[in-house]
mmCIF file of all heavy atoms, coordinates in Angstrom:
data_MODEL
# 
_entry.id   MODEL 
# 
loop_
_atom_site.group_PDB 
_atom_site.id 
_atom_site.type_symbol 
_atom_site.label_atom_id 
_atom_site.label_alt_id 
_atom_site.label_comp_id 
_atom_site.label_asym_id 
_atom_site.label_entity_id 
_atom_site.label_seq_id 
_atom_site.pdbx_PDB_ins_code 
_atom_site.Cartn_x 
_atom_site.Cartn_y 
_atom_site.Cartn_z 
_atom_site.occupancy 
_atom_site.B_iso_or_equiv 
_atom_site.pdbx_formal_charge 
_atom_site.auth_seq_id 
_atom_site.auth_comp_id 
_atom_site.auth_asym_id 
_atom_site.auth_atom_id 
_atom_site.pdbx_PDB_model_num 
ATOM 1   N N   . ARG A 1 1  ? 220.240 126.576 -76.172 1.00 0.00 ? 1  ARG A N   1 
ATOM 2   C CA  . ARG A 1 1  ? 220.142 127.561 -75.295 1.00 0.00 ? 1  ARG A CA  1 
ATOM 3   C C   . ARG A 1 1  ? 220.460 127.124 -73.777 1.00 0.00 ? 1  ARG A C   1 
ATOM 4   O O   . ARG A 1 1  ? 221.000 127.883 -73.053 1.00 0.00 ? 1  ARG A O   1 
ATOM 5   C CB  . ARG A 1 1  ? 218.740 128.139 -75.209 1.00 0.00 ? 1  ARG A CB  1 
ATOM 6   C CG  . ARG A 1 1  ? 218.435 129.225 -74.258 1.00 0.00 ? 1  ARG A CG  1 
ATOM 7   C CD  . ARG A 1 1  ? 217.210 129.974 -74.538 1.00 0.00 ? 1  ARG A CD  1 
ATOM 8   N NE  . ARG A 1 1  ? 216.945 131.061 -73.359 1.00 0.00 ? 1  ARG A NE  1 
ATOM 9   C CZ  . ARG A 1 1  ? 217.343 132.164 -73.549 1.00 0.00 ? 1  ARG A CZ  1 
ATOM 10  N NH1 . ARG A 1 1  ? 218.149 132.633 -74.604 1.00 0.00 ? 1  ARG A NH1 1 
ATOM 11  N NH2 . ARG A 1 1  ? 217.061 133.174 -72.524 1.00 0.00 ? 1  ARG A NH2 1 
ATOM 12  N N   . TYR A 1 2  ? 220.046 125.876 -73.383 1.00 0.00 ? 2  TYR A N   1 
ATOM 13  C CA  . TYR A 1 2  ? 220.158 125.466 -72.019 1.00 0.00 ? 2  TYR A CA  1 
ATOM 14  C C   . TYR A 1 2  ? 221.179 124.297 -71.760 1.00 0.00 ? 2  TYR A C   1 
ATOM 15  O O   . TYR A 1 2  ? 221.401 124.059 -70.618 1.00 0.00 ? 2  TYR A O   1 
ATOM 16  C CB  . TYR A 1 2  ? 218.821 125.034 -71.478 1.00 0.00 ? 2  TYR A CB  1 
ATOM 17  C CG  . TYR A 1 2  ? 217.762 126.085 -71.564 1.00 0.00 ? 2  TYR A CG  1 
ATOM 18  C CD1 . TYR A 1 2  ? 216.679 125.799 -72.542 1.00 0.00 ? 2  TYR A CD1 1 
ATOM 19  C CD2 . TYR A 1 2  ? 217.690 127.227 -70.781 1.00 0.00 ? 2  TYR A CD2 1 
ATOM 20  C CE1 . TYR A 1 2  ? 215.695 126.800 -72.822 1.00 0.00 ? 2  TYR A CE1 1 
ATOM 21  C CE2 . TYR A 1 2  ? 216.694 128.160 -70.970 1.00 0.00 ? 2  TYR A CE2 1 
ATOM 22  C CZ  . TYR A 1 2  ? 215.742 127.977 -71.915 1.00 0.00 ? 2  TYR A CZ  1 
ATOM 23  O OH  . TYR A 1 2  ? 214.744 128.879 -72.067 1.00 0.00 ? 2  TYR A OH  1 
ATOM 24  N N   . GLY A 1 3  ? 221.581 123.734 -72.818 1.00 0.00 ? 3  GLY A N   1 
ATOM 25  C CA  . GLY A 1 3  ? 222.517 122.460 -72.691 1.00 0.00 ? 3  GLY A CA  1 
ATOM 26  C C   . GLY A 1 3  ? 221.689 121.323 -72.425 1.00 0.00 ? 3  GLY A C   1 
ATOM 27  O O   . GLY A 1 3  ? 222.191 120.232 -72.165 1.00 0.00 ? 3  GLY A O   1 
ATOM 28  N N   . GLU A 1 4  ? 220.353 121.346 -72.471 1.00 0.00 ? 4  GLU A N   1 
ATOM 29  C CA  . GLU A 1 4  ? 219.405 120.210 -72.362 1.00 0.00 ? 4  GLU A CA  1 
ATOM 30  C C   . GLU A 1 4  ? 218.280 120.453 -73.296 1.00 0.00 ? 4  GLU A C   1 
ATOM 31  O O   . GLU A 1 4  ? 217.606 121.531 -73.462 1.00 0.00 ? 4  GLU A O   1 
ATOM 32  C CB  . GLU A 1 4  ? 218.876 120.187 -70.840 1.00 0.00 ? 4  GLU A CB  1 
ATOM 33  C CG  . GLU A 1 4  ? 217.923 119.174 -70.625 1.00 0.00 ? 4  GLU A CG  1 
ATOM 34  C CD  . GLU A 1 4  ? 217.273 119.141 -69.142 1.00 0.00 ? 4  GLU A CD  1 
ATOM 35  O OE1 . GLU A 1 4  ? 217.823 120.000 -68.377 1.00 0.00 ? 4  GLU A OE1 1 
ATOM 36  O OE2 . GLU A 1 4  ? 216.458 118.258 -68.933 1.00 0.00 ? 4  GLU A OE2 1 
ATOM 37  N N   . GLY A 1 5  ? 217.930 119.336 -74.036 1.00 0.00 ? 5  GLY A N   1 
ATOM 38  C CA  . GLY A 1 5  ? 216.812 119.386 -74.924 1.00 0.00 ? 5  GLY A CA  1 
ATOM 39  C C   . GLY A 1 5  ? 215.516 119.134 -74.248 1.00 0.00 ? 5  GLY A C   1 
ATOM 40  O O   . GLY A 1 5  ? 215.233 118.177 -73.566 1.00 0.00 ? 5  GLY A O   1 
ATOM 41  N N   . VAL A 1 6  ? 214.629 120.032 -74.371 1.00 0.00 ? 6  VAL A N   1 
ATOM 42  C CA  . VAL A 1 6  ? 213.217 120.063 -73.715 1.00 0.00 ? 6  VAL A CA  1 
ATOM 43  C C   . VAL A 1 6  ? 212.196 120.318 -74.757 1.00 0.00 ? 6  VAL A C   1 
ATOM 44  O O   . VAL A 1 6  ? 212.331 121.151 -75.523 1.00 0.00 ? 6  VAL A O   1 
ATOM 45  C CB  . VAL A 1 6  ? 213.218 121.097 -72.554 1.00 0.00 ? 6  VAL A CB  1 
ATOM 46  C CG1 . VAL A 1 6  ? 211.901 120.872 -71.753 1.00 0.00 ? 6  VAL A CG1 1 
ATOM 47  C CG2 . VAL A 1 6  ? 214.370 121.005 -71.606 1.00 0.00 ? 6  VAL A CG2 1 
ATOM 48  N N   . SER A 1 7  ? 210.952 119.787 -74.666 1.00 0.00 ? 7  SER A N   1 
ATOM 49  C CA  . SER A 1 7  ? 209.883 119.908 -75.600 1.00 0.00 ? 7  SER A CA  1 
ATOM 50  C C   . SER A 1 7  ? 208.550 119.643 -74.820 1.00 0.00 ? 7  SER A C   1 
ATOM 51  O O   . SER A 1 7  ? 208.227 118.528 -74.787 1.00 0.00 ? 7  SER A O   1 
ATOM 52  C CB  . SER A 1 7  ? 210.050 119.136 -76.822 1.00 0.00 ? 7  SER A CB  1 
ATOM 53  O OG  . SER A 1 7  ? 208.854 119.321 -77.678 1.00 0.00 ? 7  SER A OG  1 
ATOM 54  N N   . ASP A 1 8  ? 207.931 120.680 -74.398 1.00 0.00 ? 8  ASP A N   1 
ATOM 55  C CA  . ASP A 1 8  ? 206.484 120.607 -74.013 1.00 0.00 ? 8  ASP A CA  1 
ATOM 56  C C   . ASP A 1 8  ? 205.601 120.012 -75.046 1.00 0.00 ? 8  ASP A C   1 
ATOM 57  O O   . ASP A 1 8  ? 204.663 119.178 -74.727 1.00 0.00 ? 8  ASP A O   1 
ATOM 58  C CB  . ASP A 1 8  ? 205.984 121.833 -73.443 1.00 0.00 ? 8  ASP A CB  1 
ATOM 59  C CG  . ASP A 1 8  ? 206.550 122.288 -71.999 1.00 0.00 ? 8  ASP A CG  1 
ATOM 60  O OD1 . ASP A 1 8  ? 207.118 121.363 -71.355 1.00 0.00 ? 8  ASP A OD1 1 
ATOM 61  O OD2 . ASP A 1 8  ? 206.399 123.405 -71.708 1.00 0.00 ? 8  ASP A OD2 1 
ATOM 62  N N   . GLN A 1 9  ? 205.898 120.440 -76.258 1.00 0.00 ? 9  GLN A N   1 
ATOM 63  C CA  . GLN A 1 9  ? 204.965 119.907 -77.359 1.00 0.00 ? 9  GLN A CA  1 
ATOM 64  C C   . GLN A 1 9  ? 205.059 118.459 -77.564 1.00 0.00 ? 9  GLN A C   1 
ATOM 65  O O   . GLN A 1 9  ? 204.123 117.620 -77.677 1.00 0.00 ? 9  GLN A O   1 
ATOM 66  C CB  . GLN A 1 9  ? 205.505 120.633 -78.641 1.00 0.00 ? 9  GLN A CB  1 
ATOM 67  C CG  . GLN A 1 9  ? 204.740 120.409 -79.814 1.00 0.00 ? 9  GLN A CG  1 
ATOM 68  C CD  . GLN A 1 9  ? 205.153 121.325 -80.993 1.00 0.00 ? 9  GLN A CD  1 
ATOM 69  O OE1 . GLN A 1 9  ? 204.296 121.737 -81.790 1.00 0.00 ? 9  GLN A OE1 1 
ATOM 70  N NE2 . GLN A 1 9  ? 206.364 121.513 -81.268 1.00 0.00 ? 9  GLN A NE2 1 
ATOM 71  N N   . ALA A 1 10 ? 206.408 117.811 -77.423 1.00 0.00 ? 10 ALA A N   1 
ATOM 72  C CA  . ALA A 1 10 ? 206.550 116.401 -77.521 1.00 0.00 ? 10 ALA A CA  1 
ATOM 73  C C   . ALA A 1 10 ? 205.929 115.701 -76.291 1.00 0.00 ? 10 ALA A C   1 
ATOM 74  O O   . ALA A 1 10 ? 205.329 114.680 -76.499 1.00 0.00 ? 10 ALA A O   1 
ATOM 75  C CB  . ALA A 1 10 ? 208.026 116.139 -77.705 1.00 0.00 ? 10 ALA A CB  1 
ATOM 76  N N   . ASN A 1 11 ? 206.178 116.258 -75.136 1.00 0.00 ? 11 ASN A N   1 
ATOM 77  C CA  . ASN A 1 11 ? 205.678 115.711 -73.901 1.00 0.00 ? 11 ASN A CA  1 
ATOM 78  C C   . ASN A 1 11 ? 204.109 115.589 -73.802 1.00 0.00 ? 11 ASN A C   1 
ATOM 79  O O   . ASN A 1 11 ? 203.584 114.639 -73.483 1.00 0.00 ? 11 ASN A O   1 
ATOM 80  C CB  . ASN A 1 11 ? 206.156 116.481 -72.627 1.00 0.00 ? 11 ASN A CB  1 
ATOM 81  C CG  . ASN A 1 11 ? 207.589 116.261 -72.398 1.00 0.00 ? 11 ASN A CG  1 
ATOM 82  O OD1 . ASN A 1 11 ? 208.187 115.432 -72.852 1.00 0.00 ? 11 ASN A OD1 1 
ATOM 83  N ND2 . ASN A 1 11 ? 208.060 117.298 -71.650 1.00 0.00 ? 11 ASN A ND2 1 
ATOM 84  N N   . ARG A 1 12 ? 203.419 116.654 -74.395 1.00 0.00 ? 12 ARG A N   1 
ATOM 85  C CA  . ARG A 1 12 ? 202.014 116.667 -74.536 1.00 0.00 ? 12 ARG A CA  1 
ATOM 86  C C   . ARG A 1 12 ? 201.546 115.424 -75.632 1.00 0.00 ? 12 ARG A C   1 
ATOM 87  O O   . ARG A 1 12 ? 200.628 114.760 -75.228 1.00 0.00 ? 12 ARG A O   1 
ATOM 88  C CB  . ARG A 1 12 ? 201.440 117.937 -75.054 1.00 0.00 ? 12 ARG A CB  1 
ATOM 89  C CG  . ARG A 1 12 ? 201.350 118.983 -73.981 1.00 0.00 ? 12 ARG A CG  1 
ATOM 90  C CD  . ARG A 1 12 ? 200.603 120.140 -74.375 1.00 0.00 ? 12 ARG A CD  1 
ATOM 91  N NE  . ARG A 1 12 ? 201.121 120.801 -75.599 1.00 0.00 ? 12 ARG A NE  1 
ATOM 92  C CZ  . ARG A 1 12 ? 201.922 121.758 -75.629 1.00 0.00 ? 12 ARG A CZ  1 
ATOM 93  N NH1 . ARG A 1 12 ? 202.650 122.161 -74.537 1.00 0.00 ? 12 ARG A NH1 1 
ATOM 94  N NH2 . ARG A 1 12 ? 202.333 122.280 -76.844 1.00 0.00 ? 12 ARG A NH2 1 
ATOM 95  N N   . ALA A 1 13 ? 202.345 115.365 -76.630 1.00 0.00 ? 13 ALA A N   1 
ATOM 96  C CA  . ALA A 1 13 ? 201.979 114.429 -77.583 1.00 0.00 ? 13 ALA A CA  1 
ATOM 97  C C   . ALA A 1 13 ? 202.196 112.960 -77.060 1.00 0.00 ? 13 ALA A C   1 
ATOM 98  O O   . ALA A 1 13 ? 201.355 112.091 -77.230 1.00 0.00 ? 13 ALA A O   1 
ATOM 99  C CB  . ALA A 1 13 ? 202.863 114.545 -78.939 1.00 0.00 ? 13 ALA A CB  1 
ATOM 100 N N   . ILE A 1 14 ? 203.247 112.783 -76.304 1.00 0.00 ? 14 ILE A N   1 
ATOM 101 C CA  . ILE A 1 14 ? 203.526 111.506 -75.668 1.00 0.00 ? 14 ILE A CA  1 
ATOM 102 C C   . ILE A 1 14 ? 202.401 111.107 -74.732 1.00 0.00 ? 14 ILE A C   1 
ATOM 103 O O   . ILE A 1 14 ? 201.926 109.986 -74.694 1.00 0.00 ? 14 ILE A O   1 
ATOM 104 C CB  . ILE A 1 14 ? 205.014 111.337 -75.068 1.00 0.00 ? 14 ILE A CB  1 
ATOM 105 C CG1 . ILE A 1 14 ? 206.048 111.497 -76.132 1.00 0.00 ? 14 ILE A CG1 1 
ATOM 106 C CG2 . ILE A 1 14 ? 205.098 110.297 -74.118 1.00 0.00 ? 14 ILE A CG2 1 
ATOM 107 C CD1 . ILE A 1 14 ? 207.394 111.695 -75.705 1.00 0.00 ? 14 ILE A CD1 1 
ATOM 108 N N   . SER A 1 15 ? 202.022 112.032 -73.883 1.00 0.00 ? 15 SER A N   1 
ATOM 109 C CA  . SER A 1 15 ? 200.984 111.941 -72.843 1.00 0.00 ? 15 SER A CA  1 
ATOM 110 C C   . SER A 1 15 ? 199.641 111.421 -73.586 1.00 0.00 ? 15 SER A C   1 
ATOM 111 O O   . SER A 1 15 ? 199.001 110.640 -73.146 1.00 0.00 ? 15 SER A O   1 
ATOM 112 C CB  . SER A 1 15 ? 200.747 113.112 -72.104 1.00 0.00 ? 15 SER A CB  1 
ATOM 113 O OG  . SER A 1 15 ? 201.880 113.550 -71.278 1.00 0.00 ? 15 SER A OG  1 
ATOM 114 N N   . THR A 1 16 ? 199.369 112.207 -74.673 1.00 0.00 ? 16 THR A N   1 
ATOM 115 C CA  . THR A 1 16 ? 198.052 111.914 -75.504 1.00 0.00 ? 16 THR A CA  1 
ATOM 116 C C   . THR A 1 16 ? 198.152 110.480 -75.995 1.00 0.00 ? 16 THR A C   1 
ATOM 117 O O   . THR A 1 16 ? 197.191 109.678 -75.900 1.00 0.00 ? 16 THR A O   1 
ATOM 118 C CB  . THR A 1 16 ? 198.002 112.870 -76.533 1.00 0.00 ? 16 THR A CB  1 
ATOM 119 O OG1 . THR A 1 16 ? 197.793 114.212 -75.930 1.00 0.00 ? 16 THR A OG1 1 
ATOM 120 C CG2 . THR A 1 16 ? 196.647 112.712 -77.457 1.00 0.00 ? 16 THR A CG2 1 
ATOM 121 N N   . ILE A 1 17 ? 199.340 110.060 -76.561 1.00 0.00 ? 17 ILE A N   1 
ATOM 122 C CA  . ILE A 1 17 ? 199.416 108.785 -77.128 1.00 0.00 ? 17 ILE A CA  1 
ATOM 123 C C   . ILE A 1 17 ? 199.280 107.829 -75.910 1.00 0.00 ? 17 ILE A C   1 
ATOM 124 O O   . ILE A 1 17 ? 198.662 106.758 -76.077 1.00 0.00 ? 17 ILE A O   1 
ATOM 125 C CB  . ILE A 1 17 ? 200.903 108.598 -77.796 1.00 0.00 ? 17 ILE A CB  1 
ATOM 126 C CG1 . ILE A 1 17 ? 200.865 109.394 -79.113 1.00 0.00 ? 17 ILE A CG1 1 
ATOM 127 C CG2 . ILE A 1 17 ? 201.145 107.091 -78.100 1.00 0.00 ? 17 ILE A CG2 1 
ATOM 128 C CD1 . ILE A 1 17 ? 202.210 109.569 -79.643 1.00 0.00 ? 17 ILE A CD1 1 
ATOM 129 N N   . GLY A 1 18 ? 199.853 108.057 -74.825 1.00 0.00 ? 18 GLY A N   1 
ATOM 130 C CA  . GLY A 1 18 ? 199.756 107.104 -73.671 1.00 0.00 ? 18 GLY A CA  1 
ATOM 131 C C   . GLY A 1 18 ? 198.360 107.005 -73.164 1.00 0.00 ? 18 GLY A C   1 
ATOM 132 O O   . GLY A 1 18 ? 197.863 105.821 -72.885 1.00 0.00 ? 18 GLY A O   1 
ATOM 133 N N   . PHE A 1 19 ? 197.628 108.051 -73.172 1.00 0.00 ? 19 PHE A N   1 
ATOM 134 C CA  . PHE A 1 19 ? 196.213 108.044 -72.732 1.00 0.00 ? 19 PHE A CA  1 
ATOM 135 C C   . PHE A 1 19 ? 195.419 107.185 -73.817 1.00 0.00 ? 19 PHE A C   1 
ATOM 136 O O   . PHE A 1 19 ? 194.628 106.415 -73.285 1.00 0.00 ? 19 PHE A O   1 
ATOM 137 C CB  . PHE A 1 19 ? 195.627 109.428 -72.634 1.00 0.00 ? 19 PHE A CB  1 
ATOM 138 C CG  . PHE A 1 19 ? 194.236 109.494 -72.251 1.00 0.00 ? 19 PHE A CG  1 
ATOM 139 C CD1 . PHE A 1 19 ? 193.730 109.147 -71.038 1.00 0.00 ? 19 PHE A CD1 1 
ATOM 140 C CD2 . PHE A 1 19 ? 193.261 109.714 -73.269 1.00 0.00 ? 19 PHE A CD2 1 
ATOM 141 C CE1 . PHE A 1 19 ? 192.366 109.164 -70.718 1.00 0.00 ? 19 PHE A CE1 1 
ATOM 142 C CE2 . PHE A 1 19 ? 191.899 109.731 -72.978 1.00 0.00 ? 19 PHE A CE2 1 
ATOM 143 C CZ  . PHE A 1 19 ? 191.407 109.528 -71.736 1.00 0.00 ? 19 PHE A CZ  1 
ATOM 144 N N   . VAL A 1 20 ? 195.596 107.453 -74.998 1.00 0.00 ? 20 VAL A N   1 
ATOM 145 C CA  . VAL A 1 20 ? 194.809 106.853 -76.062 1.00 0.00 ? 20 VAL A CA  1 
ATOM 146 C C   . VAL A 1 20 ? 195.144 105.189 -75.930 1.00 0.00 ? 20 VAL A C   1 
ATOM 147 O O   . VAL A 1 20 ? 194.197 104.394 -76.027 1.00 0.00 ? 20 VAL A O   1 
ATOM 148 C CB  . VAL A 1 20 ? 195.059 107.405 -77.439 1.00 0.00 ? 20 VAL A CB  1 
ATOM 149 C CG1 . VAL A 1 20 ? 194.540 106.489 -78.490 1.00 0.00 ? 20 VAL A CG1 1 
ATOM 150 C CG2 . VAL A 1 20 ? 194.595 108.792 -77.544 1.00 0.00 ? 20 VAL A CG2 1 
ATOM 151 N N   . THR A 1 21 ? 196.406 104.950 -75.802 1.00 0.00 ? 21 THR A N   1 
ATOM 152 C CA  . THR A 1 21 ? 196.832 103.509 -75.715 1.00 0.00 ? 21 THR A CA  1 
ATOM 153 C C   . THR A 1 21 ? 196.181 102.918 -74.502 1.00 0.00 ? 21 THR A C   1 
ATOM 154 O O   . THR A 1 21 ? 195.634 101.770 -74.582 1.00 0.00 ? 21 THR A O   1 
ATOM 155 C CB  . THR A 1 21 ? 198.332 103.473 -75.757 1.00 0.00 ? 21 THR A CB  1 
ATOM 156 O OG1 . THR A 1 21 ? 198.908 104.065 -76.743 1.00 0.00 ? 21 THR A OG1 1 
ATOM 157 C CG2 . THR A 1 21 ? 198.755 101.954 -75.545 1.00 0.00 ? 21 THR A CG2 1 
ATOM 158 N N   . ALA A 1 22 ? 196.183 103.591 -73.324 1.00 0.00 ? 22 ALA A N   1 
ATOM 159 C CA  . ALA A 1 22 ? 195.673 103.055 -72.138 1.00 0.00 ? 22 ALA A CA  1 
ATOM 160 C C   . ALA A 1 22 ? 194.180 102.870 -72.286 1.00 0.00 ? 22 ALA A C   1 
ATOM 161 O O   . ALA A 1 22 ? 193.622 101.835 -71.768 1.00 0.00 ? 22 ALA A O   1 
ATOM 162 C CB  . ALA A 1 22 ? 196.031 103.903 -70.800 1.00 0.00 ? 22 ALA A CB  1 
ATOM 163 N N   . ALA A 1 23 ? 193.439 103.877 -72.957 1.00 0.00 ? 23 ALA A N   1 
ATOM 164 C CA  . ALA A 1 23 ? 191.986 103.797 -73.109 1.00 0.00 ? 23 ALA A CA  1 
ATOM 165 C C   . ALA A 1 23 ? 191.638 102.558 -73.932 1.00 0.00 ? 23 ALA A C   1 
ATOM 166 O O   . ALA A 1 23 ? 190.752 101.805 -73.729 1.00 0.00 ? 23 ALA A O   1 
ATOM 167 C CB  . ALA A 1 23 ? 191.418 105.101 -73.679 1.00 0.00 ? 23 ALA A CB  1 
ATOM 168 N N   . ALA A 1 24 ? 192.378 102.404 -75.083 1.00 0.00 ? 24 ALA A N   1 
ATOM 169 C CA  . ALA A 1 24 ? 192.126 101.315 -76.048 1.00 0.00 ? 24 ALA A CA  1 
ATOM 170 C C   . ALA A 1 24 ? 192.420 100.028 -75.328 1.00 0.00 ? 24 ALA A C   1 
ATOM 171 O O   . ALA A 1 24 ? 191.509 99.026  -75.436 1.00 0.00 ? 24 ALA A O   1 
ATOM 172 C CB  . ALA A 1 24 ? 193.160 101.462 -77.284 1.00 0.00 ? 24 ALA A CB  1 
ATOM 173 N N   . GLY A 1 25 ? 193.441 99.891  -74.427 1.00 0.00 ? 25 GLY A N   1 
ATOM 174 C CA  . GLY A 1 25 ? 193.617 98.739  -73.648 1.00 0.00 ? 25 GLY A CA  1 
ATOM 175 C C   . GLY A 1 25 ? 192.606 98.377  -72.762 1.00 0.00 ? 25 GLY A C   1 
ATOM 176 O O   . GLY A 1 25 ? 192.058 97.210  -72.528 1.00 0.00 ? 25 GLY A O   1 
ATOM 177 N N   . ALA A 1 26 ? 192.067 99.432  -72.064 1.00 0.00 ? 26 ALA A N   1 
ATOM 178 C CA  . ALA A 1 26 ? 190.916 99.165  -71.077 1.00 0.00 ? 26 ALA A CA  1 
ATOM 179 C C   . ALA A 1 26 ? 189.718 98.728  -71.864 1.00 0.00 ? 26 ALA A C   1 
ATOM 180 O O   . ALA A 1 26 ? 188.930 97.833  -71.455 1.00 0.00 ? 26 ALA A O   1 
ATOM 181 C CB  . ALA A 1 26 ? 190.609 100.498 -70.398 1.00 0.00 ? 26 ALA A CB  1 
ATOM 182 N N   . PHE A 1 27 ? 189.364 99.324  -72.947 1.00 0.00 ? 27 PHE A N   1 
ATOM 183 C CA  . PHE A 1 27 ? 188.164 98.887  -73.854 1.00 0.00 ? 27 PHE A CA  1 
ATOM 184 C C   . PHE A 1 27 ? 188.242 97.482  -74.336 1.00 0.00 ? 27 PHE A C   1 
ATOM 185 O O   . PHE A 1 27 ? 187.439 96.696  -74.298 1.00 0.00 ? 27 PHE A O   1 
ATOM 186 C CB  . PHE A 1 27 ? 187.936 99.833  -74.947 1.00 0.00 ? 27 PHE A CB  1 
ATOM 187 C CG  . PHE A 1 27 ? 187.251 101.208 -74.546 1.00 0.00 ? 27 PHE A CG  1 
ATOM 188 C CD1 . PHE A 1 27 ? 187.903 102.371 -74.805 1.00 0.00 ? 27 PHE A CD1 1 
ATOM 189 C CD2 . PHE A 1 27 ? 186.102 101.235 -73.720 1.00 0.00 ? 27 PHE A CD2 1 
ATOM 190 C CE1 . PHE A 1 27 ? 187.360 103.591 -74.496 1.00 0.00 ? 27 PHE A CE1 1 
ATOM 191 C CE2 . PHE A 1 27 ? 185.529 102.390 -73.429 1.00 0.00 ? 27 PHE A CE2 1 
ATOM 192 C CZ  . PHE A 1 27 ? 186.219 103.623 -73.725 1.00 0.00 ? 27 PHE A CZ  1 
ATOM 193 N N   . SER A 1 28 ? 189.582 97.148  -74.618 1.00 0.00 ? 28 SER A N   1 
ATOM 194 C CA  . SER A 1 28 ? 189.856 95.666  -75.095 1.00 0.00 ? 28 SER A CA  1 
ATOM 195 C C   . SER A 1 28 ? 189.556 94.781  -73.912 1.00 0.00 ? 28 SER A C   1 
ATOM 196 O O   . SER A 1 28 ? 189.010 93.737  -74.117 1.00 0.00 ? 28 SER A O   1 
ATOM 197 C CB  . SER A 1 28 ? 191.303 95.626  -75.743 1.00 0.00 ? 28 SER A CB  1 
ATOM 198 O OG  . SER A 1 28 ? 191.464 96.267  -76.755 1.00 0.00 ? 28 SER A OG  1 
# 
């Protein structure tokens, strides 16, 4: 549609993964 691939769904998942990874690192 736009000539550029965009996905809020994927961005939310990546943010969640990043947060969980950072939290796990902080607890470690």
